[in-house]
């Protein structure tokens, strides 16, 4: 697991199951080199795996990110390694 993956996992756990605005989430990660363009495909992949729920506007821009219970368990497993 590379540093960016660890940072993404940490940020997702920090956002928790309560959800967080995607723009805020992306702002948290910008000092680590993540851009909204980088995050979108990663988060969509997580949605396909059942790890996250996304709220998108009609144009497909991600507005909110929320981990599913499965996603929370997966992030906890990753963190304990």
C-alpha atoms as a PDB file:
ATOM      1  CA  UNK A   1       0.000   0.000   0.000  1.00  0.00           C
ATOM      2  CA  UNK A   2       1.503   3.326  -1.021  1.00  0.00           C
ATOM      3  CA  UNK A   3       1.390   6.550   0.975  1.00  0.00           C
ATOM      4  CA  UNK A   4      -1.470   8.025  -1.069  1.00  0.00           C
ATOM      5  CA  UNK A   5      -3.615   4.947  -0.365  1.00  0.00           C
ATOM      6  CA  UNK A   6      -2.872   5.250   3.350  1.00  0.00           C
ATOM      7  CA  UNK A   7      -3.773   8.938   3.341  1.00  0.00           C
ATOM      8  CA  UNK A   8      -7.001   8.216   1.464  1.00  0.00           C
ATOM      9  CA  UNK A   9      -7.894   5.490   3.953  1.00  0.00           C
ATOM     10  CA  UNK A  10      -7.173   7.781   6.898  1.00  0.00           C
ATOM     11  CA  UNK A  11      -9.260  10.586   5.423  1.00  0.00           C
ATOM     12  CA  UNK A  12     -12.164   8.252   4.716  1.00  0.00           C
ATOM     13  CA  UNK A  13     -12.086   6.974   8.291  1.00  0.00           C
ATOM     14  CA  UNK A  14     -11.948  10.573   9.540  1.00  0.00           C
ATOM     15  CA  UNK A  15     -15.002  11.387   7.438  1.00  0.00           C
ATOM     16  CA  UNK A  16     -16.656   8.334   8.973  1.00  0.00           C
ATOM     17  CA  UNK A  17     -20.086   7.034   8.279  1.00  0.00           C
ATOM     18  CA  UNK A  18     -21.619  10.466   8.905  1.00  0.00           C
ATOM     19  CA  UNK A  19     -20.575  11.574   5.430  1.00  0.00           C
ATOM     20  CA  UNK A  20     -18.684  14.641   4.336  1.00  0.00           C
ATOM     21  CA  UNK A  21     -18.956  17.095   1.471  1.00  0.00           C
ATOM     22  CA  UNK A  22     -16.674  15.943  -1.337  1.00  0.00           C
ATOM     23  CA  UNK A  23     -15.184  19.412  -1.825  1.00  0.00           C
ATOM     24  CA  UNK A  24     -14.181  19.451   1.854  1.00  0.00           C
ATOM     25  CA  UNK A  25     -12.849  15.896   1.605  1.00  0.00           C
ATOM     26  CA  UNK A  26     -10.745  16.824  -1.430  1.00  0.00           C
ATOM     27  CA  UNK A  27      -9.486  19.943   0.363  1.00  0.00           C
ATOM     28  CA  UNK A  28      -8.260  17.757   3.248  1.00  0.00           C
ATOM     29  CA  UNK A  29      -6.230  15.663   0.816  1.00  0.00           C
ATOM     30  CA  UNK A  30      -4.829  18.399  -1.418  1.00  0.00           C
ATOM     31  CA  UNK A  31      -1.652  18.876   0.698  1.00  0.00           C
ATOM     32  CA  UNK A  32      -0.855  15.213   0.013  1.00  0.00           C
ATOM     33  CA  UNK A  33      -1.052  15.578  -3.755  1.00  0.00           C
ATOM     34  CA  UNK A  34      -4.598  14.309  -4.301  1.00  0.00           C
ATOM     35  CA  UNK A  35      -6.821  16.342  -6.566  1.00  0.00           C
ATOM     36  CA  UNK A  36     -10.557  15.988  -7.062  1.00  0.00           C
ATOM     37  CA  UNK A  37      -9.741  14.501 -10.467  1.00  0.00           C
ATOM     38  CA  UNK A  38      -7.598  11.822  -8.741  1.00  0.00           C
ATOM     39  CA  UNK A  39     -10.209  11.050  -6.112  1.00  0.00           C
ATOM     40  CA  UNK A  40     -13.276  10.660  -8.314  1.00  0.00           C
ATOM     41  CA  UNK A  41     -12.293   7.373 -10.024  1.00  0.00           C
ATOM     42  CA  UNK A  42     -11.000   5.928  -6.737  1.00  0.00           C
ATOM     43  CA  UNK A  43     -14.260   6.723  -4.954  1.00  0.00           C
ATOM     44  CA  UNK A  44     -16.383   5.456  -7.850  1.00  0.00           C
ATOM     45  CA  UNK A  45     -14.414   2.208  -7.716  1.00  0.00           C
ATOM     46  CA  UNK A  46     -15.097   1.998  -3.995  1.00  0.00           C
ATOM     47  CA  UNK A  47     -18.805   2.514  -4.706  1.00  0.00           C
ATOM     48  CA  UNK A  48     -18.733  -0.379  -7.212  1.00  0.00           C
ATOM     49  CA  UNK A  49     -17.132  -2.580  -4.536  1.00  0.00           C
ATOM     50  CA  UNK A  50     -19.842  -1.610  -2.043  1.00  0.00           C
ATOM     51  CA  UNK A  51     -17.391   0.279   0.174  1.00  0.00           C
ATOM     52  CA  UNK A  52     -18.772   3.803  -0.254  1.00  0.00           C
ATOM     53  CA  UNK A  53     -21.937   5.634  -1.171  1.00  0.00           C
ATOM     54  CA  UNK A  54     -21.677   8.764  -3.289  1.00  0.00           C
ATOM     55  CA  UNK A  55     -24.113  11.582  -3.882  1.00  0.00           C
ATOM     56  CA  UNK A  56     -23.650  13.159  -7.299  1.00  0.00           C
ATOM     57  CA  UNK A  57     -25.210  16.108  -9.063  1.00  0.00           C
ATOM     58  CA  UNK A  58     -26.882  15.659 -12.489  1.00  0.00           C
ATOM     59  CA  UNK A  59     -23.525  16.341 -14.195  1.00  0.00           C
ATOM     60  CA  UNK A  60     -21.822  13.514 -12.284  1.00  0.00           C
ATOM     61  CA  UNK A  61     -19.823  15.718  -9.906  1.00  0.00           C
ATOM     62  CA  UNK A  62     -19.436  14.027  -6.527  1.00  0.00           C
ATOM     63  CA  UNK A  63     -21.055  16.075  -3.786  1.00  0.00           C
ATOM     64  CA  UNK A  64     -20.885  13.769  -0.746  1.00  0.00           C
ATOM     65  CA  UNK A  65     -18.963  10.665   0.304  1.00  0.00           C
ATOM     66  CA  UNK A  66     -20.188   8.168   2.886  1.00  0.00           C
ATOM     67  CA  UNK A  67     -18.546   4.882   3.863  1.00  0.00           C
ATOM     68  CA  UNK A  68     -20.794   1.847   4.035  1.00  0.00           C
ATOM     69  CA  UNK A  69     -20.502  -0.570   6.964  1.00  0.00           C
ATOM     70  CA  UNK A  70     -18.476  -2.840   4.688  1.00  0.00           C
ATOM     71  CA  UNK A  71     -16.232   0.105   3.799  1.00  0.00           C
ATOM     72  CA  UNK A  72     -15.692   0.939   7.463  1.00  0.00           C
ATOM     73  CA  UNK A  73     -14.683  -2.667   8.191  1.00  0.00           C
ATOM     74  CA  UNK A  74     -12.318  -2.735   5.202  1.00  0.00           C
ATOM     75  CA  UNK A  75     -10.653   0.536   6.266  1.00  0.00           C
ATOM     76  CA  UNK A  76     -10.296  -0.760   9.834  1.00  0.00           C
ATOM     77  CA  UNK A  77      -8.661  -3.952   8.523  1.00  0.00           C
ATOM     78  CA  UNK A  78      -6.276  -1.916   6.376  1.00  0.00           C
ATOM     79  CA  UNK A  79      -5.349   0.336   9.298  1.00  0.00           C
ATOM     80  CA  UNK A  80      -4.557  -2.602  11.580  1.00  0.00           C
ATOM     81  CA  UNK A  81      -1.981  -4.041   9.174  1.00  0.00           C
END
